């Protein structure tokens, strides 16, 4: 099952900690997380704002972003563990 994450390119790129969270999520869910970067999602008062599928989340911290994706996709499974 894949999940689409939509975010504003300018807002996300102006926050290094947010970009680190995105990098961690794409490494954790390489085939399940589809990231759609738009030029603007018209949420300037709620920066950083995201959409997971059709649900809107304003003022999301990096930790909240990770938690929301884990909630939608389930906790990651480490394939290297027995």
Foldseek 3Di string as FASTA:
>chain_A
DAKEKEWEPVLQVVDVQLVVLVVVVCVQCVPHYHYHYDNDPPQVVFPGWMDIRNDIDGVADSVNVNVVVCVVVPNGDDPPDD
